[in-house]
Protein backbone atom coordinates (compact mmCIF):
# COMPACT_ATOMS: atom_id res chain seq x y z
CA MET A 1 -6.20 -113.29 -84.99
CA GLU A 2 -6.89 -109.75 -83.76
CA ASP A 3 -6.84 -108.41 -87.32
CA TRP A 4 -8.97 -111.21 -88.79
CA PRO A 5 -12.23 -109.19 -89.32
CA ASN A 6 -11.60 -106.38 -91.78
CA SER A 7 -13.69 -103.31 -92.33
CA GLN A 8 -15.26 -104.78 -95.45
CA PRO A 9 -19.02 -104.70 -95.90
CA ASN A 10 -19.35 -108.56 -95.61
CA ASP A 11 -17.38 -109.01 -92.38
CA ALA A 12 -20.43 -109.09 -90.12
CA SER A 13 -22.30 -111.64 -92.25
CA TYR A 14 -19.22 -113.86 -92.58
CA LEU A 15 -18.55 -113.76 -88.86
CA ARG A 16 -22.15 -114.58 -87.97
CA ILE A 17 -22.01 -117.66 -90.31
CA TRP A 18 -18.70 -118.72 -88.83
CA LEU A 19 -19.97 -118.39 -85.26
CA ILE A 20 -23.14 -120.39 -86.00
CA SER A 21 -21.27 -123.17 -87.78
CA THR A 22 -18.59 -123.38 -85.07
CA GLY A 23 -21.19 -123.51 -82.32
CA ALA A 24 -23.08 -126.22 -84.22
CA VAL A 25 -19.96 -128.37 -84.60
CA GLY A 26 -19.21 -127.98 -80.90
CA ALA A 27 -22.76 -128.96 -80.06
CA ILE A 28 -22.53 -132.06 -82.33
CA PHE A 29 -19.41 -133.18 -80.45
CA VAL A 30 -20.49 -132.40 -76.92
CA ILE A 31 -24.28 -132.86 -76.65
CA PRO A 32 -24.51 -136.61 -77.55
CA PHE A 33 -21.78 -137.51 -75.10
CA ALA A 34 -23.31 -135.38 -72.42
CA ILE A 35 -26.64 -137.18 -72.84
CA PHE A 36 -24.92 -140.57 -72.93
CA PHE A 37 -23.04 -139.94 -69.68
CA LEU A 38 -26.11 -138.67 -67.98
CA VAL A 39 -28.07 -141.82 -68.66
CA SER A 40 -25.23 -144.42 -68.37
CA ASP A 41 -23.40 -145.98 -65.49
CA LEU A 42 -19.70 -145.02 -65.54
CA GLY A 43 -18.86 -147.89 -63.13
CA SER A 44 -18.52 -150.48 -65.88
CA ALA A 45 -15.28 -150.98 -67.79
CA LEU A 46 -17.02 -150.50 -71.16
CA ASN A 47 -18.44 -147.17 -70.20
CA ARG A 48 -15.12 -145.99 -68.84
CA THR A 49 -13.45 -146.99 -72.12
CA ILE A 50 -16.07 -145.08 -74.11
CA PHE A 51 -15.64 -142.10 -71.80
CA LEU A 52 -11.86 -142.07 -72.22
CA ARG A 53 -12.16 -142.31 -76.00
CA ALA A 54 -14.80 -139.53 -76.02
CA LEU A 55 -12.64 -137.12 -74.06
CA PRO A 56 -10.78 -135.84 -77.17
CA CYS A 57 -14.10 -135.16 -78.90
CA ILE A 58 -15.42 -133.40 -75.82
CA ALA A 59 -12.23 -131.36 -75.58
CA ILE A 60 -12.47 -130.41 -79.25
CA GLY A 61 -16.12 -129.37 -78.79
CA LEU A 62 -15.26 -127.31 -75.72
CA ILE A 63 -12.37 -125.65 -77.54
CA LEU A 64 -14.64 -124.86 -80.47
CA ALA A 65 -17.25 -123.43 -78.10
CA ILE A 66 -14.58 -121.32 -76.31
CA VAL A 67 -13.28 -120.05 -79.66
CA ALA A 68 -16.82 -119.22 -80.77
CA GLY A 69 -17.47 -117.36 -77.49
CA HIS A 70 -14.17 -115.49 -77.82
CA ARG A 71 -15.05 -114.55 -81.37
CA ALA A 72 -18.50 -113.40 -80.30
CA VAL A 73 -17.09 -111.18 -77.52
CA TRP A 74 -14.44 -109.80 -79.87
CA PHE A 75 -17.04 -109.12 -82.55
CA LEU A 76 -19.31 -107.31 -80.08
CA ARG A 77 -16.40 -105.18 -78.85
CA ARG A 78 -15.34 -104.29 -82.37
CA SER A 79 -18.95 -103.56 -83.33
CA THR A 80 -19.34 -101.27 -80.31
CA GLU A 81 -16.14 -99.44 -81.20
CA ARG A 82 -17.26 -99.07 -84.80
CA ILE A 83 -20.66 -97.75 -83.69
CA ALA A 84 -18.98 -95.28 -81.34
CA ARG A 85 -16.63 -94.12 -84.12
CA ALA A 86 -19.54 -93.83 -86.52
CA TYR A 87 -21.54 -91.84 -83.95
CA GLU A 88 -18.60 -89.51 -83.28
CA LEU A 89 -18.02 -89.10 -87.01
CA ALA A 90 -21.71 -88.29 -87.46
CA ARG A 91 -21.50 -85.66 -84.71
CA VAL A 92 -18.39 -84.15 -86.30
CA ARG A 93 -20.09 -84.08 -89.69
CA GLU A 94 -23.17 -82.52 -88.11
CA ARG A 95 -21.06 -79.80 -86.48
CA GLU A 96 -19.30 -79.19 -89.78
CA ARG A 97 -22.67 -78.97 -91.51
CA ASP A 98 -23.95 -76.49 -88.90
CA LEU A 99 -20.81 -74.39 -89.24
CA ALA A 100 -21.11 -74.48 -93.02
CA GLN A 101 -24.76 -73.41 -92.79
CA GLN A 102 -23.87 -70.56 -90.42
CA GLU A 103 -21.07 -69.46 -92.73
CA LEU A 104 -23.43 -69.63 -95.69
CA ILE A 105 -26.07 -67.55 -93.86
CA LYS A 106 -23.39 -65.05 -92.84
CA ARG A 107 -22.15 -64.72 -96.41
CA LEU A 108 -25.69 -64.37 -97.71
CA LYS A 109 -26.30 -61.55 -95.21
CA GLU A 110 -23.04 -59.89 -96.20
CA GLU A 111 -23.94 -60.20 -99.88
CA ARG A 112 -27.40 -58.75 -99.16
CA GLN A 113 -25.81 -55.84 -97.29
CA LEU A 114 -23.32 -55.31 -100.10
CA ALA A 115 -26.17 -55.34 -102.60
CA GLN A 116 -28.07 -52.75 -100.54
CA GLN A 117 -24.96 -50.60 -100.23
CA LYS A 118 -24.40 -50.93 -103.97
CA VAL A 119 -27.94 -49.73 -104.64
CA GLN A 120 -27.43 -46.81 -102.23
CA PHE A 121 -24.09 -45.89 -103.80
CA GLU A 122 -25.59 -46.10 -107.28
CA SER A 123 -28.46 -43.88 -106.13
CA GLN A 124 -26.01 -41.40 -104.60
CA LEU A 125 -23.88 -41.51 -107.73
CA ALA A 126 -26.92 -40.79 -109.88
CA GLU A 127 -27.82 -37.92 -107.56
CA TYR A 128 -24.28 -36.52 -107.73
CA GLU A 129 -24.27 -36.83 -111.50
CA LYS A 130 -27.57 -34.97 -111.62
CA TYR A 131 -26.16 -32.25 -109.42
CA ALA A 132 -22.98 -32.06 -111.52
CA ALA A 133 -25.05 -31.67 -114.68
CA LEU A 134 -27.17 -29.06 -112.91
CA ALA A 135 -24.03 -27.19 -111.87
CA GLN A 136 -22.75 -27.09 -115.43
CA LEU A 137 -26.14 -25.92 -116.63
CA ALA A 138 -26.29 -23.23 -113.95
CA LEU A 139 -22.84 -21.89 -114.69
CA GLY A 140 -23.49 -21.78 -118.41
CA ALA A 141 -26.92 -20.20 -117.95
CA ALA A 142 -25.57 -17.57 -115.58
CA HIS A 143 -22.98 -16.33 -118.08
CA GLU A 144 -25.42 -16.42 -120.99
CA ILE A 145 -28.38 -14.79 -119.22
CA ASN A 146 -27.05 -12.49 -116.53
CA ASN A 147 -25.41 -9.83 -118.69
CA PRO A 148 -28.31 -9.27 -121.14
CA LEU A 149 -30.72 -9.47 -118.20
CA LEU A 150 -29.05 -6.50 -116.53
CA GLY A 151 -29.40 -4.53 -119.74
CA ILE A 152 -33.11 -5.41 -119.99
CA LEU A 153 -33.69 -4.42 -116.36
CA SER A 154 -31.93 -1.08 -116.84
CA HIS A 155 -34.00 -0.36 -119.94
CA LEU A 156 -37.24 -1.24 -118.12
CA GLU A 157 -36.37 1.05 -115.20
CA LEU A 158 -35.73 3.92 -117.65
CA SER A 159 -39.01 3.16 -119.40
CA LEU A 160 -40.79 3.22 -116.03
CA ARG A 161 -39.56 6.75 -115.39
CA GLU A 162 -40.80 7.90 -118.79
CA ALA A 163 -44.20 6.17 -118.55
CA THR A 164 -47.09 8.62 -118.80
CA THR A 165 -50.12 6.41 -118.12
CA ASP A 166 -51.00 4.07 -115.27
CA ASP A 167 -51.51 1.13 -117.63
CA ASP A 168 -48.02 1.54 -119.08
CA ARG A 169 -46.55 1.86 -115.59
CA ILE A 170 -48.29 -1.30 -114.34
CA GLU A 171 -47.18 -3.27 -117.39
CA ILE A 172 -43.57 -2.12 -117.03
CA GLU A 173 -43.58 -2.89 -113.28
CA GLN A 174 -44.79 -6.43 -114.03
CA CYS A 175 -41.94 -6.82 -116.51
CA ILE A 176 -39.46 -5.53 -113.93
CA GLU A 177 -40.80 -7.96 -111.32
CA GLY A 178 -40.48 -10.90 -113.75
CA THR A 179 -36.95 -9.83 -114.66
CA LYS A 180 -35.97 -9.66 -111.00
CA ARG A 181 -37.41 -13.13 -110.45
CA ILE A 182 -35.24 -14.45 -113.27
CA SER A 183 -32.20 -12.77 -111.72
CA GLN A 184 -33.08 -14.19 -108.31
CA THR A 185 -33.38 -17.69 -109.79
CA ILE A 186 -29.96 -17.39 -111.41
CA ARG A 187 -28.39 -16.22 -108.15
CA GLY A 188 -30.04 -19.12 -106.35
CA LEU A 189 -28.64 -21.57 -108.90
CA LEU A 190 -25.15 -20.15 -108.48
CA ASN A 191 -25.39 -20.28 -104.69
CA TYR A 192 -26.59 -23.88 -104.85
CA THR A 193 -24.11 -25.23 -107.37
CA ARG A 194 -21.06 -23.19 -106.40
CA PRO A 195 -21.28 -21.99 -102.79
CA ASP A 196 -18.61 -19.61 -101.62
CA PRO A 197 -15.89 -20.89 -99.26
CA LEU A 198 -16.79 -20.78 -95.59
CA LEU A 199 -15.84 -17.57 -93.78
CA LEU A 200 -15.97 -18.81 -90.22
CA THR A 201 -16.75 -16.58 -87.27
CA ARG A 202 -17.95 -17.16 -83.73
CA ILE A 203 -21.71 -16.72 -83.82
CA ASN A 204 -24.14 -16.09 -81.00
CA LEU A 205 -27.41 -17.63 -82.16
CA THR A 206 -29.55 -15.33 -79.99
CA ARG A 207 -28.16 -12.22 -81.70
CA LEU A 208 -28.39 -13.78 -85.16
CA VAL A 209 -32.07 -14.71 -84.66
CA ASP A 210 -32.86 -11.26 -83.26
CA ASP A 211 -31.27 -9.59 -86.30
CA THR A 212 -33.24 -11.86 -88.66
CA PHE A 213 -36.49 -11.17 -86.80
CA GLY A 214 -35.80 -7.45 -86.95
CA PHE A 215 -35.30 -7.62 -90.72
CA LEU A 216 -38.44 -9.67 -91.41
CA LEU A 217 -40.81 -8.37 -88.76
CA HIS A 218 -42.12 -5.46 -90.87
CA GLN A 219 -42.47 -7.45 -94.08
CA PRO A 220 -46.09 -7.80 -95.31
CA LEU A 221 -45.77 -11.58 -95.34
CA PHE A 222 -45.26 -11.63 -91.55
CA ARG A 223 -48.24 -9.49 -90.60
CA GLY A 224 -50.46 -11.37 -88.17
CA ILE A 225 -47.74 -13.98 -87.47
CA LYS A 226 -46.26 -14.27 -83.98
CA LEU A 227 -42.47 -14.79 -83.94
CA GLU A 228 -41.08 -16.51 -80.84
CA LYS A 229 -37.54 -17.31 -79.75
CA LYS A 230 -36.55 -19.98 -77.24
CA ILE A 231 -32.77 -20.00 -76.98
CA PRO A 232 -31.08 -20.55 -73.59
CA ALA A 233 -28.68 -17.85 -72.46
CA ASP A 234 -25.89 -20.34 -71.80
CA LEU A 235 -25.95 -21.82 -75.32
CA PRO A 236 -22.34 -21.90 -76.57
CA GLU A 237 -21.26 -19.88 -79.56
CA ILE A 238 -20.70 -21.86 -82.75
CA SER A 239 -18.19 -21.56 -85.55
CA ALA A 240 -20.06 -20.93 -88.79
CA ASP A 241 -20.36 -18.72 -91.84
CA ALA A 242 -22.57 -15.86 -90.68
CA ASN A 243 -23.96 -15.05 -94.12
CA GLN A 244 -24.85 -18.66 -94.92
CA LEU A 245 -26.37 -19.34 -91.50
CA SER A 246 -28.41 -16.12 -91.72
CA GLN A 247 -29.67 -17.12 -95.16
CA ILE A 248 -30.63 -20.58 -93.85
CA VAL A 249 -32.67 -19.09 -91.02
CA MET A 250 -34.28 -16.55 -93.34
CA ASN A 251 -35.23 -19.21 -95.91
CA LEU A 252 -36.85 -21.34 -93.21
CA LEU A 253 -38.76 -18.38 -91.79
CA LEU A 254 -40.03 -17.39 -95.24
CA ASN A 255 -41.19 -20.94 -95.95
CA ALA A 256 -42.92 -21.11 -92.58
CA ALA A 257 -44.67 -17.76 -93.13
CA GLN A 258 -45.92 -18.86 -96.55
CA ALA A 259 -47.42 -21.97 -94.93
CA ILE A 260 -49.48 -19.86 -92.47
CA PRO A 261 -52.16 -18.16 -94.55
CA ASP A 262 -54.46 -16.96 -91.75
CA GLY A 263 -52.02 -16.10 -89.01
CA GLY A 264 -50.28 -18.33 -86.52
CA SER A 265 -46.90 -18.58 -84.83
CA ILE A 266 -43.31 -19.41 -85.78
CA THR A 267 -40.88 -20.49 -83.08
CA ILE A 268 -37.10 -20.78 -83.26
CA SER A 269 -35.53 -22.83 -80.48
CA ALA A 270 -32.02 -24.11 -79.93
CA GLN A 271 -30.26 -26.40 -77.50
CA LYS A 272 -26.98 -28.23 -77.08
CA VAL A 273 -27.15 -31.87 -78.11
CA LYS A 274 -26.44 -34.23 -75.22
CA PHE A 275 -23.26 -36.28 -75.46
CA ALA A 276 -22.26 -34.47 -78.68
CA ASP A 277 -20.27 -31.37 -79.54
CA SER A 278 -23.11 -29.83 -81.55
CA VAL A 279 -26.25 -27.72 -81.30
CA GLU A 280 -29.74 -28.29 -82.67
CA ILE A 281 -31.78 -25.45 -84.12
CA VAL A 282 -35.53 -26.06 -84.60
CA VAL A 283 -37.85 -23.85 -86.64
CA SER A 284 -41.50 -24.75 -85.90
CA ASP A 285 -44.67 -23.32 -87.39
CA THR A 286 -48.40 -23.87 -86.96
CA GLY A 287 -49.14 -23.87 -90.68
CA ARG A 288 -50.77 -26.29 -93.10
CA GLY A 289 -47.98 -28.84 -92.91
CA ILE A 290 -46.54 -30.92 -95.74
CA PRO A 291 -48.35 -33.97 -97.20
CA ALA A 292 -46.56 -37.31 -96.88
CA ASP A 293 -46.20 -37.72 -100.67
CA ILE A 294 -44.49 -34.33 -101.01
CA LEU A 295 -42.19 -34.52 -97.96
CA PRO A 296 -39.49 -36.72 -99.63
CA HIS A 297 -39.07 -34.17 -102.46
CA VAL A 298 -38.79 -30.89 -100.54
CA PHE A 299 -34.97 -30.73 -100.86
CA GLU A 300 -34.97 -31.34 -104.61
CA PRO A 301 -33.90 -28.33 -106.70
CA PHE A 302 -36.79 -26.41 -108.33
CA PHE A 303 -39.39 -28.49 -106.50
CA THR A 304 -42.09 -26.17 -105.21
CA THR A 305 -45.81 -26.21 -104.49
CA LYS A 306 -46.00 -22.39 -104.50
CA ARG A 307 -46.61 -21.88 -108.22
CA GLY A 308 -45.53 -18.40 -109.27
CA LYS A 309 -44.28 -17.51 -105.74
CA GLY A 310 -41.02 -19.38 -105.41
CA THR A 311 -38.11 -20.92 -107.28
CA GLY A 312 -37.93 -24.18 -105.33
CA LEU A 313 -34.30 -23.52 -104.37
CA GLY A 314 -34.66 -22.22 -100.80
CA LEU A 315 -34.51 -25.60 -99.04
CA SER A 316 -31.99 -26.99 -101.53
CA ILE A 317 -29.63 -24.08 -100.88
CA SER A 318 -30.20 -24.38 -97.12
CA GLN A 319 -29.36 -28.09 -97.25
CA ALA A 320 -26.19 -27.39 -99.24
CA TYR A 321 -25.11 -24.75 -96.69
CA VAL A 322 -25.84 -27.03 -93.73
CA ARG A 323 -23.86 -29.88 -95.28
CA SER A 324 -20.94 -27.56 -96.05
CA HIS A 325 -20.78 -26.98 -92.27
CA GLY A 326 -20.77 -30.74 -91.60
CA GLY A 327 -24.30 -30.64 -90.24
CA ASP A 328 -27.66 -32.22 -90.98
CA ILE A 329 -31.16 -30.93 -91.73
CA ARG A 330 -34.42 -32.87 -91.28
CA ILE A 331 -38.09 -32.02 -91.67
CA ASP A 332 -40.99 -33.48 -89.67
CA SER A 333 -44.47 -32.49 -90.74
CA LEU A 334 -48.11 -33.53 -90.61
CA PRO A 335 -50.91 -31.99 -92.68
CA MET A 336 -52.76 -29.26 -90.75
CA ARG A 337 -50.46 -29.76 -87.74
CA GLY A 338 -47.48 -27.66 -88.69
CA THR A 339 -43.86 -28.37 -89.59
CA ASN A 340 -40.63 -28.76 -87.63
CA VAL A 341 -37.30 -28.20 -89.38
CA ARG A 342 -34.35 -29.50 -87.33
CA ILE A 343 -30.80 -28.39 -88.08
CA THR A 344 -27.82 -29.95 -86.32
CA LEU A 345 -24.52 -28.05 -86.56
CA PRO A 346 -21.16 -28.79 -84.92
CA ILE A 347 -20.03 -26.23 -82.38
CA ARG A 348 -16.52 -26.18 -83.85
CA GLN A 349 -15.53 -26.63 -87.47
CA GLU A 350 -12.64 -29.09 -87.53
CA GLY A 351 -10.17 -28.57 -90.37
CA HIS A 352 -11.39 -25.04 -91.21
CA ALA A 353 -9.49 -21.90 -90.30
CA MET A 354 -11.22 -19.00 -88.60
CA GLN A 355 -10.99 -15.51 -90.05
CA GLU A 356 -7.94 -13.62 -88.94
CA GLU A 357 -10.10 -10.76 -87.70
CA THR A 358 -12.62 -12.78 -85.80
CA GLU A 359 -16.08 -11.25 -85.77
CA VAL A 360 -18.19 -12.20 -82.80
CA ILE A 361 -21.89 -11.80 -83.45
CA ALA A 362 -23.14 -11.16 -79.92
């Protein structure tokens, strides 16, 4: 009896019909006799005989009513259990759906990040391929141009000595200046595409900046420009290539001086980076600044806004030197508010050997 209702779709309808019909049969058996006994006198022999003969019918009606009640209680219990199971199943399915949605969102984010990284890697790869092609071009151009260029320069210098008029001398000097610019461009290309191995020494930045200032101070470009140095005395020495670091500082000072047409100031400051084993060097000027549309291109080779006055390799070479030291270079600038060039260099060069005869620039 306990397994009589199955989990078929028509169980509930069948049971409701069965309960109604069973209750009706019980009512047919019981109700007439109940009315009869209520209105009759059971003291007579006839009524007692009718009562005794009606007892089986009454009993059957009561049994049917009890069975119907039992079935109703059982059906309600089973229905409650099924509702509870359905509710629990719905909650489980809802949790599974939420987990699936979270997993889907997570995978979509991961795919988006992978797509962004792919774009970045492809951009870096294209940049490296461009630099590799540029390196091959530079090496080939250096071998093809450098030797005949030296011959042309020697011939021009001899012609300058033999010149008899001022016009001839001016023309030859212009040719010599153009030839030297070509030679300088070739040397810049070679330095950019094939930098020499690092020759590490312990460098005192105060002494290095003083030496650079002393070299540039009497140059015509720096007339009317105030050079300032703000380097603490307790700044630790750093391991670096002295020639490359000196060229970096000189390139930045030359760029800053060219951006100050009517006088101004250039400041070199340095400090140890907090919570890091590195130092930050900042070259600041009060010049014209760099427009926002030009700023992203300043490290590109041959990019220059100084037509006829530069090769566009100074910042590119400086960036290559800084990166070879494991450092970073950044530029902050606003038009008519000056420029700040920030260089971060590690204090020690891990994985690089120092020179056997260590030179301390101090």
